[in-house]
């Protein structure tokens, strides 16, 4: 009976996206069977964290006609077993940043520090031409989140020394090192990084360029043992490539392709997280039936494995996804 309830609920939600269902205002729980994870709405640019033994997944909601990017808001889900997921009310919209034109909720990432959760985002700036990055804050990993600054953290005019296009300041990823120093990486066609102040809402020093082969966008930092890993979308259509270093500041040694072009999606955006003894590779593809594609994407999760020398094995994308954690 329980399985039937979840199936009926998932079907009802799937119908909801087709008839233009209103914004979700309550928590919804249901089960997933494989990849893509969610069929009731389109989700893209995933980012994941683990907090208090719960796996939280953040994504942008693709909500357009499949002919261009229309991402009005971000969404958040959680799980403890990788099969039963809870979806929460919409935690943040691009229009929540008053300096943004909205709706243009591009890739983002959430990190926790000292009991607060910081959501780093990229969207379109209303008065400074080009993409910009902001940060919102909440006392809960599921929000609601509010603008922590009232102004953008990074605007396009801050990086014109290295890039002439107006959308290079996107796709932020934040990593807090073992010594407590936080770093933010971001970029499109050119990768950048900078230190963050302890308050997590201000840059602490100059912006530095990062040289990476065939860098497109979507940098992501994680650490395992003594190695730092910088993965990123490479070339177009996008694959995921990665580099390794013994320092968060580099130099970075290129190691090759980690994930191939994901289904019929031109973009590839990843998050890498350890949870209850397994490493997970979170990404999106365009595999949902009917309208799925480059502008109506869907989040997936598969296992990530390492070689003895610390390098990562190429990800095997599957329709089965990952197993339930007992």
C-alpha atoms as a PDB file:
ATOM      1  CA  UNK A   1       0.000   0.000   0.000  1.00  0.00           C
ATOM      2  CA  UNK A   2       2.820   2.386   0.842  1.00  0.00           C
ATOM      3  CA  UNK A   3       4.481   1.849  -2.547  1.00  0.00           C
ATOM      4  CA  UNK A   4       1.159   2.447  -4.285  1.00  0.00           C
ATOM      5  CA  UNK A   5       0.690   5.717  -2.403  1.00  0.00           C
ATOM      6  CA  UNK A   6       4.088   6.966  -3.532  1.00  0.00           C
ATOM      7  CA  UNK A   7       3.439   5.955  -7.131  1.00  0.00           C
ATOM      8  CA  UNK A   8       0.096   7.772  -7.200  1.00  0.00           C
ATOM      9  CA  UNK A   9       1.671  10.878  -5.701  1.00  0.00           C
ATOM     10  CA  UNK A  10       4.516  10.861  -8.196  1.00  0.00           C
ATOM     11  CA  UNK A  11       2.021  10.506 -11.059  1.00  0.00           C
ATOM     12  CA  UNK A  12      -0.051  13.421  -9.771  1.00  0.00           C
ATOM     13  CA  UNK A  13       3.026  15.611  -9.572  1.00  0.00           C
ATOM     14  CA  UNK A  14       4.018  14.613 -13.093  1.00  0.00           C
ATOM     15  CA  UNK A  15       0.637  15.795 -14.323  1.00  0.00           C
ATOM     16  CA  UNK A  16       1.116  19.004 -12.367  1.00  0.00           C
ATOM     17  CA  UNK A  17       4.066  20.153 -14.444  1.00  0.00           C
ATOM     18  CA  UNK A  18       2.062  19.665 -17.629  1.00  0.00           C
ATOM     19  CA  UNK A  19      -0.906  21.749 -16.502  1.00  0.00           C
ATOM     20  CA  UNK A  20       1.120  24.523 -14.882  1.00  0.00           C
ATOM     21  CA  UNK A  21       0.718  23.625 -11.199  1.00  0.00           C
ATOM     22  CA  UNK A  22       1.125  26.467  -8.717  1.00  0.00           C
ATOM     23  CA  UNK A  23       4.220  26.876  -6.544  1.00  0.00           C
ATOM     24  CA  UNK A  24       4.595  24.129  -3.985  1.00  0.00           C
ATOM     25  CA  UNK A  25       3.815  25.294  -0.451  1.00  0.00           C
ATOM     26  CA  UNK A  26       4.213  22.087   1.559  1.00  0.00           C
ATOM     27  CA  UNK A  27       6.679  19.255   1.950  1.00  0.00           C
ATOM     28  CA  UNK A  28       6.133  16.290  -0.352  1.00  0.00           C
ATOM     29  CA  UNK A  29       7.644  12.851   0.114  1.00  0.00           C
ATOM     30  CA  UNK A  30       7.928  10.135  -2.504  1.00  0.00           C
ATOM     31  CA  UNK A  31      10.215   7.381  -3.768  1.00  0.00           C
ATOM     32  CA  UNK A  32      12.484   7.297  -6.778  1.00  0.00           C
ATOM     33  CA  UNK A  33      13.278   4.231  -8.874  1.00  0.00           C
ATOM     34  CA  UNK A  34      16.424   5.289 -10.754  1.00  0.00           C
ATOM     35  CA  UNK A  35      17.718   8.023 -13.057  1.00  0.00           C
ATOM     36  CA  UNK A  36      16.530  10.663 -13.598  1.00  0.00           C
ATOM     37  CA  UNK A  37      15.622  11.083  -9.943  1.00  0.00           C
ATOM     38  CA  UNK A  38      12.543  13.257 -10.322  1.00  0.00           C
ATOM     39  CA  UNK A  39       9.850  13.079 -12.978  1.00  0.00           C
ATOM     40  CA  UNK A  40       7.344  15.663 -11.675  1.00  0.00           C
ATOM     41  CA  UNK A  41       9.499  18.666 -12.634  1.00  0.00           C
ATOM     42  CA  UNK A  42      12.657  19.389 -14.561  1.00  0.00           C
ATOM     43  CA  UNK A  43      15.776  19.993 -12.447  1.00  0.00           C
ATOM     44  CA  UNK A  44      19.257  21.151 -13.441  1.00  0.00           C
ATOM     45  CA  UNK A  45      22.687  22.214 -12.173  1.00  0.00           C
ATOM     46  CA  UNK A  46      22.652  20.061  -9.022  1.00  0.00           C
ATOM     47  CA  UNK A  47      24.633  20.783  -5.878  1.00  0.00           C
ATOM     48  CA  UNK A  48      24.625  18.555  -2.813  1.00  0.00           C
ATOM     49  CA  UNK A  49      25.748  18.729   0.808  1.00  0.00           C
ATOM     50  CA  UNK A  50      25.569  16.380   3.781  1.00  0.00           C
ATOM     51  CA  UNK A  51      24.409  17.788   7.119  1.00  0.00           C
ATOM     52  CA  UNK A  52      23.554  15.765  10.250  1.00  0.00           C
ATOM     53  CA  UNK A  53      23.537  12.516   8.226  1.00  0.00           C
ATOM     54  CA  UNK A  54      21.033  13.900   5.736  1.00  0.00           C
ATOM     55  CA  UNK A  55      21.800  14.316   2.028  1.00  0.00           C
ATOM     56  CA  UNK A  56      20.490  17.640   0.685  1.00  0.00           C
ATOM     57  CA  UNK A  57      20.171  18.249  -3.031  1.00  0.00           C
ATOM     58  CA  UNK A  58      19.753  21.720  -4.534  1.00  0.00           C
ATOM     59  CA  UNK A  59      18.927  22.464  -8.169  1.00  0.00           C
ATOM     60  CA  UNK A  60      17.482  25.034 -10.516  1.00  0.00           C
ATOM     61  CA  UNK A  61      14.028  24.316 -11.914  1.00  0.00           C
ATOM     62  CA  UNK A  62      13.857  24.272 -15.702  1.00  0.00           C
ATOM     63  CA  UNK A  63      10.408  25.669 -16.410  1.00  0.00           C
ATOM     64  CA  UNK A  64      10.449  26.886 -19.997  1.00  0.00           C
ATOM     65  CA  UNK A  65       9.167  25.642 -23.332  1.00  0.00           C
ATOM     66  CA  UNK A  66      12.291  23.621 -24.089  1.00  0.00           C
ATOM     67  CA  UNK A  67      13.640  26.203 -26.542  1.00  0.00           C
ATOM     68  CA  UNK A  68      15.750  28.278 -24.160  1.00  0.00           C
ATOM     69  CA  UNK A  69      16.739  28.606 -20.513  1.00  0.00           C
ATOM     70  CA  UNK A  70      13.932  29.706 -18.212  1.00  0.00           C
ATOM     71  CA  UNK A  71      14.818  28.989 -14.586  1.00  0.00           C
ATOM     72  CA  UNK A  72      12.688  31.108 -12.233  1.00  0.00           C
ATOM     73  CA  UNK A  73      13.649  29.461  -8.957  1.00  0.00           C
ATOM     74  CA  UNK A  74      15.737  26.922  -7.127  1.00  0.00           C
ATOM     75  CA  UNK A  75      14.473  23.759  -5.418  1.00  0.00           C
ATOM     76  CA  UNK A  76      15.669  21.585  -2.541  1.00  0.00           C
ATOM     77  CA  UNK A  77      15.245  17.898  -1.699  1.00  0.00           C
ATOM     78  CA  UNK A  78      16.598  15.662   1.064  1.00  0.00           C
ATOM     79  CA  UNK A  79      17.073  11.951   1.664  1.00  0.00           C
ATOM     80  CA  UNK A  80      18.533   9.622   4.265  1.00  0.00           C
ATOM     81  CA  UNK A  81      18.520   6.458   2.155  1.00  0.00           C
ATOM     82  CA  UNK A  82      18.954   7.731  -1.473  1.00  0.00           C
ATOM     83  CA  UNK A  83      15.518   6.404  -2.441  1.00  0.00           C
ATOM     84  CA  UNK A  84      12.910   8.181  -0.313  1.00  0.00           C
ATOM     85  CA  UNK A  85      13.093  11.912  -0.978  1.00  0.00           C
ATOM     86  CA  UNK A  86      11.418  14.892   0.614  1.00  0.00           C
ATOM     87  CA  UNK A  87      10.836  18.028  -1.443  1.00  0.00           C
ATOM     88  CA  UNK A  88      10.425  21.327   0.406  1.00  0.00           C
ATOM     89  CA  UNK A  89       8.671  24.573  -0.516  1.00  0.00           C
ATOM     90  CA  UNK A  90      10.645  26.711  -2.958  1.00  0.00           C
ATOM     91  CA  UNK A  91      13.509  28.097  -0.836  1.00  0.00           C
ATOM     92  CA  UNK A  92      14.796  30.860  -3.117  1.00  0.00           C
ATOM     93  CA  UNK A  93      13.917  32.673  -6.333  1.00  0.00           C
ATOM     94  CA  UNK A  94      16.036  34.895  -8.543  1.00  0.00           C
ATOM     95  CA  UNK A  95      13.641  37.762  -7.826  1.00  0.00           C
ATOM     96  CA  UNK A  96      14.532  37.513  -4.108  1.00  0.00           C
ATOM     97  CA  UNK A  97      17.709  39.374  -5.055  1.00  0.00           C
ATOM     98  CA  UNK A  98      16.439  42.915  -5.610  1.00  0.00           C
ATOM     99  CA  UNK A  99      19.532  43.734  -7.699  1.00  0.00           C
ATOM    100  CA  UNK A 100      18.613  40.917 -10.135  1.00  0.00           C
ATOM    101  CA  UNK A 101      16.400  41.195 -13.199  1.00  0.00           C
ATOM    102  CA  UNK A 102      14.854  37.761 -12.486  1.00  0.00           C
ATOM    103  CA  UNK A 103      13.716  35.193 -13.466  1.00  0.00           C
ATOM    104  CA  UNK A 104      17.179  33.858 -14.227  1.00  0.00           C
ATOM    105  CA  UNK A 105      18.133  31.352 -11.540  1.00  0.00           C
ATOM    106  CA  UNK A 106      21.393  29.904 -12.824  1.00  0.00           C
ATOM    107  CA  UNK A 107      23.670  27.371 -11.117  1.00  0.00           C
ATOM    108  CA  UNK A 108      24.228  27.624  -7.384  1.00  0.00           C
ATOM    109  CA  UNK A 109      25.684  25.904  -4.338  1.00  0.00           C
ATOM    110  CA  UNK A 110      24.943  25.783  -0.606  1.00  0.00           C
ATOM    111  CA  UNK A 111      27.531  25.452   2.191  1.00  0.00           C
ATOM    112  CA  UNK A 112      27.172  25.399   5.968  1.00  0.00           C
ATOM    113  CA  UNK A 113      29.278  27.377   8.420  1.00  0.00           C
ATOM    114  CA  UNK A 114      28.696  27.955  12.141  1.00  0.00           C
ATOM    115  CA  UNK A 115      25.086  26.841  11.980  1.00  0.00           C
ATOM    116  CA  UNK A 116      24.115  29.010   9.027  1.00  0.00           C
ATOM    117  CA  UNK A 117      23.626  27.957   5.426  1.00  0.00           C
ATOM    118  CA  UNK A 118      24.928  30.147   2.619  1.00  0.00           C
ATOM    119  CA  UNK A 119      23.493  29.853  -0.884  1.00  0.00           C
ATOM    120  CA  UNK A 120      25.806  31.163  -3.613  1.00  0.00           C
ATOM    121  CA  UNK A 121      24.004  31.852  -6.851  1.00  0.00           C
ATOM    122  CA  UNK A 122      24.371  33.344 -10.305  1.00  0.00           C
ATOM    123  CA  UNK A 123      21.738  35.450 -12.029  1.00  0.00           C
ATOM    124  CA  UNK A 124      21.349  38.508 -14.265  1.00  0.00           C
ATOM    125  CA  UNK A 125      22.212  41.911 -12.790  1.00  0.00           C
ATOM    126  CA  UNK A 126      19.629  44.667 -13.219  1.00  0.00           C
ATOM    127  CA  UNK A 127      21.980  47.656 -13.536  1.00  0.00           C
ATOM    128  CA  UNK A 128      25.478  46.281 -14.260  1.00  0.00           C
ATOM    129  CA  UNK A 129      25.328  44.506 -17.640  1.00  0.00           C
ATOM    130  CA  UNK A 130      26.028  40.789 -17.462  1.00  0.00           C
ATOM    131  CA  UNK A 131      25.734  37.893 -15.066  1.00  0.00           C
ATOM    132  CA  UNK A 132      26.512  38.383 -11.387  1.00  0.00           C
ATOM    133  CA  UNK A 133      26.792  36.248  -8.275  1.00  0.00           C
ATOM    134  CA  UNK A 134      25.033  36.742  -4.974  1.00  0.00           C
ATOM    135  CA  UNK A 135      24.701  34.976  -1.649  1.00  0.00           C
ATOM    136  CA  UNK A 136      21.612  34.232   0.439  1.00  0.00           C
ATOM    137  CA  UNK A 137      21.529  32.907   3.992  1.00  0.00           C
ATOM    138  CA  UNK A 138      19.258  30.769   6.169  1.00  0.00           C
ATOM    139  CA  UNK A 139      19.278  29.089   9.569  1.00  0.00           C
ATOM    140  CA  UNK A 140      18.015  25.898   7.897  1.00  0.00           C
ATOM    141  CA  UNK A 141      19.346  23.856   4.966  1.00  0.00           C
ATOM    142  CA  UNK A 142      15.854  23.912   3.478  1.00  0.00           C
ATOM    143  CA  UNK A 143      15.303  27.652   3.840  1.00  0.00           C
ATOM    144  CA  UNK A 144      13.694  29.997   3.337  1.00  0.00           C
ATOM    145  CA  UNK A 145      16.794  31.925   2.239  1.00  0.00           C
ATOM    146  CA  UNK A 146      17.164  35.716   2.119  1.00  0.00           C
ATOM    147  CA  UNK A 147      19.702  37.941   0.399  1.00  0.00           C
ATOM    148  CA  UNK A 148      22.662  38.213   2.802  1.00  0.00           C
ATOM    149  CA  UNK A 149      24.134  41.387   1.296  1.00  0.00           C
ATOM    150  CA  UNK A 150      21.562  43.414  -0.564  1.00  0.00           C
ATOM    151  CA  UNK A 151      24.122  43.710  -3.372  1.00  0.00           C
ATOM    152  CA  UNK A 152      25.899  41.247  -5.658  1.00  0.00           C
ATOM    153  CA  UNK A 153      29.065  39.535  -4.451  1.00  0.00           C
ATOM    154  CA  UNK A 154      30.718  39.542  -7.902  1.00  0.00           C
ATOM    155  CA  UNK A 155      29.646  41.553 -10.960  1.00  0.00           C
ATOM    156  CA  UNK A 156      30.801  41.357 -14.558  1.00  0.00           C
ATOM    157  CA  UNK A 157      32.834  44.566 -14.400  1.00  0.00           C
ATOM    158  CA  UNK A 158      35.124  42.940 -11.804  1.00  0.00           C
ATOM    159  CA  UNK A 159      36.502  40.350 -14.265  1.00  0.00           C
ATOM    160  CA  UNK A 160      36.844  42.167 -17.585  1.00  0.00           C
ATOM    161  CA  UNK A 161      40.635  41.888 -17.287  1.00  0.00           C
ATOM    162  CA  UNK A 162      40.386  38.204 -18.237  1.00  0.00           C
ATOM    163  CA  UNK A 163      37.138  37.849 -20.210  1.00  0.00           C
ATOM    164  CA  UNK A 164      35.285  40.071 -22.662  1.00  0.00           C
ATOM    165  CA  UNK A 165      31.942  38.249 -22.608  1.00  0.00           C
ATOM    166  CA  UNK A 166      29.254  39.168 -20.086  1.00  0.00           C
ATOM    167  CA  UNK A 167      28.378  35.744 -18.679  1.00  0.00           C
ATOM    168  CA  UNK A 168      31.718  34.619 -17.205  1.00  0.00           C
ATOM    169  CA  UNK A 169      30.642  35.273 -13.599  1.00  0.00           C
ATOM    170  CA  UNK A 170      28.438  32.213 -13.085  1.00  0.00           C
ATOM    171  CA  UNK A 171      28.460  28.775 -11.458  1.00  0.00           C
ATOM    172  CA  UNK A 172      29.899  29.522  -7.997  1.00  0.00           C
ATOM    173  CA  UNK A 173      31.289  26.719  -5.850  1.00  0.00           C
ATOM    174  CA  UNK A 174      32.558  27.258  -2.300  1.00  0.00           C
ATOM    175  CA  UNK A 175      34.981  25.090  -0.355  1.00  0.00           C
ATOM    176  CA  UNK A 176      36.028  25.557   3.284  1.00  0.00           C
ATOM    177  CA  UNK A 177      39.568  24.259   3.744  1.00  0.00           C
ATOM    178  CA  UNK A 178      40.886  22.370   6.768  1.00  0.00           C
ATOM    179  CA  UNK A 179      42.279  25.577   8.283  1.00  0.00           C
ATOM    180  CA  UNK A 180      38.874  27.254   8.116  1.00  0.00           C
ATOM    181  CA  UNK A 181      39.643  29.481   5.139  1.00  0.00           C
ATOM    182  CA  UNK A 182      36.795  29.556   2.618  1.00  0.00           C
ATOM    183  CA  UNK A 183      37.369  29.854  -1.132  1.00  0.00           C
ATOM    184  CA  UNK A 184      34.957  30.556  -3.963  1.00  0.00           C
ATOM    185  CA  UNK A 185      35.586  29.296  -7.512  1.00  0.00           C
ATOM    186  CA  UNK A 186      33.448  30.216 -10.522  1.00  0.00           C
ATOM    187  CA  UNK A 187      33.525  31.017 -14.235  1.00  0.00           C
ATOM    188  CA  UNK A 188      32.547  30.481 -17.844  1.00  0.00           C
ATOM    189  CA  UNK A 189      35.317  30.083 -20.448  1.00  0.00           C
ATOM    190  CA  UNK A 190      37.643  31.479 -17.774  1.00  0.00           C
ATOM    191  CA  UNK A 191      37.875  30.005 -14.276  1.00  0.00           C
ATOM    192  CA  UNK A 192      38.452  32.262 -11.238  1.00  0.00           C
ATOM    193  CA  UNK A 193      38.904  31.919  -7.505  1.00  0.00           C
ATOM    194  CA  UNK A 194      39.074  34.198  -4.473  1.00  0.00           C
ATOM    195  CA  UNK A 195      39.163  33.933  -0.705  1.00  0.00           C
ATOM    196  CA  UNK A 196      36.052  34.647   1.320  1.00  0.00           C
ATOM    197  CA  UNK A 197      36.028  36.495   4.628  1.00  0.00           C
ATOM    198  CA  UNK A 198      34.894  34.633   7.738  1.00  0.00           C
ATOM    199  CA  UNK A 199      31.443  36.176   7.374  1.00  0.00           C
ATOM    200  CA  UNK A 200      31.103  34.231   4.076  1.00  0.00           C
ATOM    201  CA  UNK A 201      29.509  37.190   2.263  1.00  0.00           C
ATOM    202  CA  UNK A 202      32.553  39.249   1.233  1.00  0.00           C
ATOM    203  CA  UNK A 203      35.624  38.577  -0.883  1.00  0.00           C
ATOM    204  CA  UNK A 204      38.900  38.674   1.045  1.00  0.00           C
ATOM    205  CA  UNK A 205      41.501  39.823  -1.456  1.00  0.00           C
ATOM    206  CA  UNK A 206      41.933  39.839  -5.195  1.00  0.00           C
ATOM    207  CA  UNK A 207      40.313  37.644  -7.818  1.00  0.00           C
ATOM    208  CA  UNK A 208      42.735  35.153  -9.365  1.00  0.00           C
ATOM    209  CA  UNK A 209      42.443  33.412 -12.761  1.00  0.00           C
ATOM    210  CA  UNK A 210      42.859  29.634 -12.996  1.00  0.00           C
ATOM    211  CA  UNK A 211      44.249  28.016 -16.137  1.00  0.00           C
ATOM    212  CA  UNK A 212      42.509  24.745 -17.037  1.00  0.00           C
ATOM    213  CA  UNK A 213      42.449  22.894 -20.387  1.00  0.00           C
ATOM    214  CA  UNK A 214      39.202  23.345 -22.347  1.00  0.00           C
ATOM    215  CA  UNK A 215      37.437  24.978 -19.409  1.00  0.00           C
ATOM    216  CA  UNK A 216      33.802  25.777 -20.188  1.00  0.00           C
ATOM    217  CA  UNK A 217      32.031  26.319 -16.839  1.00  0.00           C
ATOM    218  CA  UNK A 218      30.721  24.568 -13.677  1.00  0.00           C
ATOM    219  CA  UNK A 219      33.836  24.293 -11.490  1.00  0.00           C
ATOM    220  CA  UNK A 220      33.443  22.147  -8.375  1.00  0.00           C
ATOM    221  CA  UNK A 221      35.944  21.571  -5.546  1.00  0.00           C
ATOM    222  CA  UNK A 222      36.110  18.570  -3.237  1.00  0.00           C
ATOM    223  CA  UNK A 223      38.843  16.934  -1.191  1.00  0.00           C
ATOM    224  CA  UNK A 224      39.693  13.315  -0.421  1.00  0.00           C
ATOM    225  CA  UNK A 225      42.731  12.501   1.694  1.00  0.00           C
ATOM    226  CA  UNK A 226      45.594  14.806   0.729  1.00  0.00           C
ATOM    227  CA  UNK A 227      44.218  15.568  -2.735  1.00  0.00           C
ATOM    228  CA  UNK A 228      42.064  18.477  -3.869  1.00  0.00           C
ATOM    229  CA  UNK A 229      39.929  17.845  -6.949  1.00  0.00           C
ATOM    230  CA  UNK A 230      38.729  20.543  -9.324  1.00  0.00           C
ATOM    231  CA  UNK A 231      36.127  19.153 -11.715  1.00  0.00           C
ATOM    232  CA  UNK A 232      34.478  21.247 -14.403  1.00  0.00           C
ATOM    233  CA  UNK A 233      32.446  21.228 -17.603  1.00  0.00           C
ATOM    234  CA  UNK A 234      34.788  20.940 -20.575  1.00  0.00           C
ATOM    235  CA  UNK A 235      34.208  21.777 -24.267  1.00  0.00           C
ATOM    236  CA  UNK A 236      30.737  21.954 -25.837  1.00  0.00           C
ATOM    237  CA  UNK A 237      28.611  19.848 -25.792  1.00  0.00           C
ATOM    238  CA  UNK A 238      29.999  19.493 -22.297  1.00  0.00           C
ATOM    239  CA  UNK A 239      31.873  16.644 -20.712  1.00  0.00           C
ATOM    240  CA  UNK A 240      33.115  16.738 -17.118  1.00  0.00           C
ATOM    241  CA  UNK A 241      36.902  16.903 -16.805  1.00  0.00           C
ATOM    242  CA  UNK A 242      39.018  17.228 -13.686  1.00  0.00           C
ATOM    243  CA  UNK A 243      42.393  18.226 -12.299  1.00  0.00           C
ATOM    244  CA  UNK A 244      44.167  17.457  -9.020  1.00  0.00           C
ATOM    245  CA  UNK A 245      46.422  19.378  -6.648  1.00  0.00           C
ATOM    246  CA  UNK A 246      47.965  19.160  -3.182  1.00  0.00           C
ATOM    247  CA  UNK A 247      46.831  22.760  -2.582  1.00  0.00           C
ATOM    248  CA  UNK A 248      43.471  24.482  -2.899  1.00  0.00           C
ATOM    249  CA  UNK A 249      45.314  27.247  -4.761  1.00  0.00           C
ATOM    250  CA  UNK A 250      46.894  24.877  -7.270  1.00  0.00           C
ATOM    251  CA  UNK A 251      48.833  24.372  -9.441  1.00  0.00           C
ATOM    252  CA  UNK A 252      46.305  21.988 -10.942  1.00  0.00           C
ATOM    253  CA  UNK A 253      47.360  18.911 -12.903  1.00  0.00           C
ATOM    254  CA  UNK A 254      44.864  17.918 -15.580  1.00  0.00           C
ATOM    255  CA  UNK A 255      43.748  14.279 -15.300  1.00  0.00           C
ATOM    256  CA  UNK A 256      41.239  13.845 -18.112  1.00  0.00           C
ATOM    257  CA  UNK A 257      37.533  13.206 -18.660  1.00  0.00           C
ATOM    258  CA  UNK A 258      35.413  12.128 -15.692  1.00  0.00           C
ATOM    259  CA  UNK A 259      31.950  12.066 -17.273  1.00  0.00           C
ATOM    260  CA  UNK A 260      30.947  11.987 -20.933  1.00  0.00           C
ATOM    261  CA  UNK A 261      28.215  14.062 -22.607  1.00  0.00           C
ATOM    262  CA  UNK A 262      25.113  13.367 -20.505  1.00  0.00           C
ATOM    263  CA  UNK A 263      22.337  12.048 -22.689  1.00  0.00           C
ATOM    264  CA  UNK A 264      20.779  14.651 -24.968  1.00  0.00           C
ATOM    265  CA  UNK A 265      21.818  17.604 -22.786  1.00  0.00           C
ATOM    266  CA  UNK A 266      24.444  19.989 -24.142  1.00  0.00           C
ATOM    267  CA  UNK A 267      25.397  21.008 -20.599  1.00  0.00           C
ATOM    268  CA  UNK A 268      26.968  18.937 -17.851  1.00  0.00           C
ATOM    269  CA  UNK A 269      27.014  20.151 -14.248  1.00  0.00           C
ATOM    270  CA  UNK A 270      28.322  18.049 -11.349  1.00  0.00           C
ATOM    271  CA  UNK A 271      28.534  17.778  -7.595  1.00  0.00           C
ATOM    272  CA  UNK A 272      30.655  15.173  -5.779  1.00  0.00           C
ATOM    273  CA  UNK A 273      29.725  14.119  -2.246  1.00  0.00           C
ATOM    274  CA  UNK A 274      30.614  11.367   0.223  1.00  0.00           C
ATOM    275  CA  UNK A 275      27.599  10.030   2.114  1.00  0.00           C
ATOM    276  CA  UNK A 276      27.447   7.075   4.508  1.00  0.00           C
ATOM    277  CA  UNK A 277      30.534   5.392   3.105  1.00  0.00           C
ATOM    278  CA  UNK A 278      29.911   5.905  -0.612  1.00  0.00           C
ATOM    279  CA  UNK A 279      31.005   8.602  -3.044  1.00  0.00           C
ATOM    280  CA  UNK A 280      28.268   9.975  -5.300  1.00  0.00           C
ATOM    281  CA  UNK A 281      28.443  11.838  -8.599  1.00  0.00           C
ATOM    282  CA  UNK A 282      25.422  14.112  -9.036  1.00  0.00           C
ATOM    283  CA  UNK A 283      24.711  15.526 -12.505  1.00  0.00           C
ATOM    284  CA  UNK A 284      21.907  16.237 -14.949  1.00  0.00           C
ATOM    285  CA  UNK A 285      20.851  14.912 -18.335  1.00  0.00           C
ATOM    286  CA  UNK A 286      17.940  15.442 -20.708  1.00  0.00           C
ATOM    287  CA  UNK A 287      16.490  11.974 -20.449  1.00  0.00           C
ATOM    288  CA  UNK A 288      12.932  12.507 -19.226  1.00  0.00           C
ATOM    289  CA  UNK A 289      10.361  11.328 -21.794  1.00  0.00           C
ATOM    290  CA  UNK A 290       8.221  13.712 -23.838  1.00  0.00           C
ATOM    291  CA  UNK A 291      10.158  16.998 -23.705  1.00  0.00           C
ATOM    292  CA  UNK A 292      13.461  16.343 -21.916  1.00  0.00           C
ATOM    293  CA  UNK A 293      16.555  17.913 -23.463  1.00  0.00           C
ATOM    294  CA  UNK A 294      19.135  20.671 -23.152  1.00  0.00           C
ATOM    295  CA  UNK A 295      16.596  23.171 -21.765  1.00  0.00           C
ATOM    296  CA  UNK A 296      14.460  20.723 -19.780  1.00  0.00           C
ATOM    297  CA  UNK A 297      17.003  18.783 -17.776  1.00  0.00           C
ATOM    298  CA  UNK A 298      16.827  16.236 -14.963  1.00  0.00           C
ATOM    299  CA  UNK A 299      19.088  15.436 -12.018  1.00  0.00           C
ATOM    300  CA  UNK A 300      20.721  12.004 -11.778  1.00  0.00           C
ATOM    301  CA  UNK A 301      23.023  10.274  -9.278  1.00  0.00           C
ATOM    302  CA  UNK A 302      25.578   7.519  -9.883  1.00  0.00           C
ATOM    303  CA  UNK A 303      28.485   6.114  -7.910  1.00  0.00           C
ATOM    304  CA  UNK A 304      31.975   7.589  -8.067  1.00  0.00           C
ATOM    305  CA  UNK A 305      35.069   5.410  -7.588  1.00  0.00           C
ATOM    306  CA  UNK A 306      38.774   6.159  -7.067  1.00  0.00           C
ATOM    307  CA  UNK A 307      41.934   4.431  -8.221  1.00  0.00           C
ATOM    308  CA  UNK A 308      44.713   3.544  -5.775  1.00  0.00           C
ATOM    309  CA  UNK A 309      46.755   6.586  -6.848  1.00  0.00           C
ATOM    310  CA  UNK A 310      43.888   8.932  -5.980  1.00  0.00           C
ATOM    311  CA  UNK A 311      42.685   9.565  -9.532  1.00  0.00           C
ATOM    312  CA  UNK A 312      38.978   9.132 -10.214  1.00  0.00           C
ATOM    313  CA  UNK A 313      37.508   6.439 -12.400  1.00  0.00           C
ATOM    314  CA  UNK A 314      35.303   7.546 -15.251  1.00  0.00           C
ATOM    315  CA  UNK A 315      31.671   7.742 -14.153  1.00  0.00           C
ATOM    316  CA  UNK A 316      29.318   5.105 -15.505  1.00  0.00           C
ATOM    317  CA  UNK A 317      25.957   6.795 -16.147  1.00  0.00           C
ATOM    318  CA  UNK A 318      23.081   4.399 -15.507  1.00  0.00           C
ATOM    319  CA  UNK A 319      19.296   4.312 -15.627  1.00  0.00           C
ATOM    320  CA  UNK A 320      19.268   2.203 -12.453  1.00  0.00           C
ATOM    321  CA  UNK A 321      20.976   4.856 -10.364  1.00  0.00           C
ATOM    322  CA  UNK A 322      22.215   4.023  -6.859  1.00  0.00           C
ATOM    323  CA  UNK A 323      21.064   1.519  -4.264  1.00  0.00           C
ATOM    324  CA  UNK A 324      18.970   2.212  -1.227  1.00  0.00           C
ATOM    325  CA  UNK A 325      21.023   2.680   1.949  1.00  0.00           C
ATOM    326  CA  UNK A 326      19.680   0.344   4.627  1.00  0.00           C
END
